[in-house]
Amino acid sequence: MGGNSPQTLVNTTALQILRGELDLAIPLARRTGEVEALIYAALLQGVGILLPFAGGLAAAVAGALLFGGTFIGMVSLVLTMAGRYYPTR
């Protein structure tokens, strides 16, 4: 596969997320507040769960990406909140 293939983009993005270089939840939390960002992420995660029931491969892949992305964002946000509210633990 070439350097500009969709698979390379997905792999690069996944590595950035795993390394914490690409976190989309924190900017949203700064604008809306941490609790509201968690609520929005939970709602999007629910959409990601229901999306595969629409049928088709594209819906299943989109649902999986939405679910996984919101899960990573929620975990990152909760860890950030825990570090802020309980810095000595």
N, C-alpha and C. Protein backbone atom coordinates (compact mmCIF):
# COMPACT_ATOMS: atom_id res chain seq x y z
N MET A 1 0.83 -1.19 0.00
CA MET A 1 0.00 0.00 0.00
C MET A 1 0.87 1.24 0.00
N GLY A 2 0.41 2.25 -0.67
CA GLY A 2 1.17 3.48 -0.77
C GLY A 2 1.06 4.33 0.47
N GLY A 3 1.83 5.39 0.50
CA GLY A 3 1.85 6.28 1.64
C GLY A 3 0.60 7.12 1.79
N ASN A 4 -0.19 7.25 0.73
CA ASN A 4 -1.40 8.07 0.78
C ASN A 4 -2.67 7.24 0.77
N SER A 5 -2.57 5.97 1.07
CA SER A 5 -3.76 5.11 1.02
C SER A 5 -4.65 5.36 2.24
N PRO A 6 -5.94 5.02 2.13
CA PRO A 6 -6.83 5.17 3.28
C PRO A 6 -6.37 4.35 4.49
N GLN A 7 -5.80 3.17 4.24
CA GLN A 7 -5.34 2.33 5.35
C GLN A 7 -4.19 3.00 6.10
N THR A 8 -3.31 3.67 5.38
CA THR A 8 -2.21 4.39 6.02
C THR A 8 -2.74 5.53 6.88
N LEU A 9 -3.75 6.24 6.38
CA LEU A 9 -4.37 7.32 7.15
C LEU A 9 -5.01 6.79 8.42
N VAL A 10 -5.73 5.67 8.31
CA VAL A 10 -6.37 5.07 9.48
C VAL A 10 -5.31 4.62 10.49
N ASN A 11 -4.26 3.96 10.02
CA ASN A 11 -3.20 3.51 10.92
C ASN A 11 -2.51 4.67 11.61
N THR A 12 -2.22 5.72 10.86
CA THR A 12 -1.57 6.90 11.44
C THR A 12 -2.46 7.56 12.47
N THR A 13 -3.73 7.71 12.16
CA THR A 13 -4.67 8.33 13.09
C THR A 13 -4.83 7.48 14.34
N ALA A 14 -4.92 6.17 14.19
CA ALA A 14 -5.04 5.28 15.34
C ALA A 14 -3.82 5.39 16.24
N LEU A 15 -2.63 5.45 15.65
CA LEU A 15 -1.41 5.60 16.45
C LEU A 15 -1.39 6.94 17.18
N GLN A 16 -1.85 7.99 16.53
CA GLN A 16 -1.89 9.30 17.18
C GLN A 16 -2.85 9.28 18.36
N ILE A 17 -3.99 8.63 18.21
CA ILE A 17 -4.95 8.54 19.30
C ILE A 17 -4.36 7.75 20.46
N LEU A 18 -3.73 6.62 20.16
CA LEU A 18 -3.15 5.79 21.21
C LEU A 18 -2.03 6.49 21.95
N ARG A 19 -1.28 7.32 21.26
CA ARG A 19 -0.19 8.05 21.91
C ARG A 19 -0.68 9.32 22.59
N GLY A 20 -1.95 9.64 22.44
CA GLY A 20 -2.49 10.83 23.07
C GLY A 20 -2.22 12.11 22.32
N GLU A 21 -1.77 12.01 21.08
CA GLU A 21 -1.48 13.19 20.28
C GLU A 21 -2.73 13.79 19.65
N LEU A 22 -3.75 12.99 19.52
CA LEU A 22 -4.97 13.44 18.86
C LEU A 22 -6.14 13.16 19.79
N ASP A 23 -6.50 14.12 20.59
CA ASP A 23 -7.59 13.95 21.53
C ASP A 23 -8.63 15.02 21.25
N LEU A 24 -9.78 14.60 20.80
CA LEU A 24 -10.82 15.53 20.42
C LEU A 24 -11.75 15.89 21.57
N ALA A 25 -11.70 15.13 22.66
CA ALA A 25 -12.62 15.36 23.77
C ALA A 25 -12.22 16.58 24.60
N ILE A 26 -10.94 16.82 24.74
CA ILE A 26 -10.48 17.91 25.61
C ILE A 26 -10.89 19.29 25.07
N PRO A 27 -10.73 19.59 23.77
CA PRO A 27 -11.20 20.90 23.28
C PRO A 27 -12.71 21.08 23.47
N LEU A 28 -13.49 20.03 23.28
CA LEU A 28 -14.92 20.13 23.51
C LEU A 28 -15.21 20.41 24.98
N ALA A 29 -14.48 19.77 25.86
CA ALA A 29 -14.68 19.97 27.30
C ALA A 29 -14.32 21.39 27.70
N ARG A 30 -13.34 21.97 27.05
CA ARG A 30 -12.98 23.36 27.37
C ARG A 30 -14.08 24.33 26.96
N ARG A 31 -14.76 24.02 25.87
CA ARG A 31 -15.84 24.91 25.41
C ARG A 31 -17.12 24.71 26.20
N THR A 32 -17.51 23.46 26.46
CA THR A 32 -18.82 23.19 27.04
C THR A 32 -18.79 22.86 28.52
N GLY A 33 -17.65 22.47 29.04
CA GLY A 33 -17.56 21.98 30.40
C GLY A 33 -17.37 20.47 30.37
N GLU A 34 -16.72 19.96 31.38
CA GLU A 34 -16.36 18.54 31.37
C GLU A 34 -17.57 17.62 31.44
N VAL A 35 -18.52 17.94 32.31
CA VAL A 35 -19.68 17.07 32.47
C VAL A 35 -20.53 17.08 31.20
N GLU A 36 -20.72 18.25 30.62
CA GLU A 36 -21.50 18.31 29.37
C GLU A 36 -20.80 17.56 28.25
N ALA A 37 -19.48 17.63 28.19
CA ALA A 37 -18.73 16.90 27.17
C ALA A 37 -18.92 15.39 27.36
N LEU A 38 -18.94 14.93 28.60
CA LEU A 38 -19.18 13.50 28.85
C LEU A 38 -20.60 13.11 28.43
N ILE A 39 -21.56 13.99 28.66
CA ILE A 39 -22.94 13.70 28.25
C ILE A 39 -23.02 13.62 26.72
N TYR A 40 -22.41 14.57 26.03
CA TYR A 40 -22.41 14.53 24.57
C TYR A 40 -21.74 13.27 24.05
N ALA A 41 -20.63 12.90 24.67
CA ALA A 41 -19.91 11.70 24.24
C ALA A 41 -20.76 10.45 24.47
N ALA A 42 -21.49 10.40 25.59
CA ALA A 42 -22.35 9.25 25.86
C ALA A 42 -23.48 9.17 24.84
N LEU A 43 -24.03 10.31 24.46
CA LEU A 43 -25.09 10.31 23.44
C LEU A 43 -24.54 9.84 22.09
N LEU A 44 -23.36 10.33 21.72
CA LEU A 44 -22.75 9.88 20.47
C LEU A 44 -22.41 8.40 20.52
N GLN A 45 -22.00 7.93 21.69
CA GLN A 45 -21.71 6.51 21.84
C GLN A 45 -22.97 5.68 21.64
N GLY A 46 -24.09 6.17 22.14
CA GLY A 46 -25.37 5.49 21.91
C GLY A 46 -25.72 5.43 20.43
N VAL A 47 -25.45 6.50 19.71
CA VAL A 47 -25.67 6.50 18.27
C VAL A 47 -24.76 5.47 17.60
N GLY A 48 -23.51 5.40 18.07
CA GLY A 48 -22.58 4.42 17.53
C GLY A 48 -23.03 2.98 17.76
N ILE A 49 -23.70 2.75 18.89
CA ILE A 49 -24.22 1.42 19.18
C ILE A 49 -25.39 1.08 18.27
N LEU A 50 -26.25 2.05 18.00
CA LEU A 50 -27.45 1.81 17.21
C LEU A 50 -27.20 1.84 15.70
N LEU A 51 -26.15 2.48 15.28
CA LEU A 51 -25.88 2.66 13.85
C LEU A 51 -25.80 1.35 13.06
N PRO A 52 -25.18 0.29 13.56
CA PRO A 52 -25.11 -0.94 12.77
C PRO A 52 -26.48 -1.56 12.47
N PHE A 53 -27.47 -1.23 13.26
CA PHE A 53 -28.81 -1.76 13.00
C PHE A 53 -29.44 -1.16 11.75
N ALA A 54 -28.85 -0.08 11.22
CA ALA A 54 -29.33 0.52 9.98
C ALA A 54 -29.04 -0.39 8.80
N GLY A 55 -28.09 -1.28 8.97
CA GLY A 55 -27.75 -2.24 7.91
C GLY A 55 -26.62 -1.75 7.04
N GLY A 56 -25.87 -2.69 6.54
CA GLY A 56 -24.78 -2.37 5.63
C GLY A 56 -23.44 -2.29 6.33
N LEU A 57 -22.42 -2.50 5.54
CA LEU A 57 -21.05 -2.47 6.06
C LEU A 57 -20.64 -1.08 6.48
N ALA A 58 -21.01 -0.07 5.71
CA ALA A 58 -20.63 1.30 6.04
C ALA A 58 -21.21 1.73 7.38
N ALA A 59 -22.44 1.37 7.64
CA ALA A 59 -23.06 1.71 8.93
C ALA A 59 -22.37 0.99 10.08
N ALA A 60 -21.99 -0.26 9.86
CA ALA A 60 -21.30 -1.02 10.91
C ALA A 60 -19.92 -0.43 11.19
N VAL A 61 -19.20 -0.05 10.15
CA VAL A 61 -17.86 0.54 10.33
C VAL A 61 -17.99 1.90 11.00
N ALA A 62 -18.94 2.71 10.55
CA ALA A 62 -19.14 4.03 11.16
C ALA A 62 -19.54 3.89 12.63
N GLY A 63 -20.39 2.92 12.94
CA GLY A 63 -20.79 2.68 14.32
C GLY A 63 -19.61 2.25 15.18
N ALA A 64 -18.77 1.39 14.64
CA ALA A 64 -17.59 0.94 15.39
C ALA A 64 -16.62 2.09 15.64
N LEU A 65 -16.38 2.91 14.63
CA LEU A 65 -15.49 4.05 14.80
C LEU A 65 -16.07 5.07 15.79
N LEU A 66 -17.36 5.30 15.70
CA LEU A 66 -18.01 6.24 16.61
C LEU A 66 -17.97 5.72 18.04
N PHE A 67 -18.27 4.44 18.23
CA PHE A 67 -18.23 3.87 19.57
C PHE A 67 -16.81 3.89 20.13
N GLY A 68 -15.85 3.43 19.34
CA GLY A 68 -14.47 3.39 19.81
C GLY A 68 -13.90 4.77 20.07
N GLY A 69 -14.20 5.71 19.19
CA GLY A 69 -13.70 7.06 19.36
C GLY A 69 -14.26 7.75 20.60
N THR A 70 -15.56 7.57 20.83
CA THR A 70 -16.15 8.18 22.02
C THR A 70 -15.65 7.50 23.28
N PHE A 71 -15.41 6.19 23.22
CA PHE A 71 -14.88 5.49 24.39
C PHE A 71 -13.51 6.04 24.76
N ILE A 72 -12.64 6.19 23.76
CA ILE A 72 -11.30 6.72 24.02
C ILE A 72 -11.39 8.15 24.55
N GLY A 73 -12.27 8.95 23.97
CA GLY A 73 -12.43 10.33 24.42
C GLY A 73 -12.95 10.42 25.84
N MET A 74 -13.91 9.55 26.18
CA MET A 74 -14.47 9.58 27.53
C MET A 74 -13.42 9.14 28.56
N VAL A 75 -12.67 8.12 28.25
CA VAL A 75 -11.63 7.66 29.18
C VAL A 75 -10.58 8.75 29.36
N SER A 76 -10.17 9.37 28.28
CA SER A 76 -9.18 10.44 28.35
C SER A 76 -9.71 11.61 29.19
N LEU A 77 -10.95 11.97 28.99
CA LEU A 77 -11.54 13.07 29.73
C LEU A 77 -11.67 12.75 31.21
N VAL A 78 -12.10 11.54 31.54
CA VAL A 78 -12.24 11.15 32.95
C VAL A 78 -10.87 11.11 33.62
N LEU A 79 -9.85 10.62 32.93
CA LEU A 79 -8.51 10.61 33.51
C LEU A 79 -8.00 12.03 33.75
N THR A 80 -8.30 12.92 32.83
CA THR A 80 -7.93 14.33 33.01
C THR A 80 -8.66 14.93 34.20
N MET A 81 -9.94 14.64 34.31
CA MET A 81 -10.72 15.15 35.45
C MET A 81 -10.20 14.59 36.77
N ALA A 82 -9.88 13.31 36.80
CA ALA A 82 -9.38 12.68 38.02
C ALA A 82 -8.06 13.32 38.44
N GLY A 83 -7.19 13.59 37.49
CA GLY A 83 -5.93 14.24 37.80
C GLY A 83 -6.11 15.65 38.33
N ARG A 84 -7.14 16.34 37.85
CA ARG A 84 -7.40 17.69 38.30
C ARG A 84 -8.06 17.72 39.68
N TYR A 85 -9.03 16.85 39.90
CA TYR A 85 -9.78 16.88 41.15
C TYR A 85 -9.12 16.10 42.28
N TYR A 86 -8.27 15.14 41.96
CA TYR A 86 -7.57 14.34 42.96
C TYR A 86 -6.08 14.28 42.63
N PRO A 87 -5.37 15.40 42.73
CA PRO A 87 -3.98 15.43 42.28
C PRO A 87 -3.02 14.63 43.14
N THR A 88 -3.35 14.33 44.38
CA THR A 88 -2.42 13.62 45.24
C THR A 88 -2.58 12.11 45.18
N ARG A 89 -3.57 11.62 44.48
CA ARG A 89 -3.81 10.17 44.44
C ARG A 89 -3.32 9.56 43.16
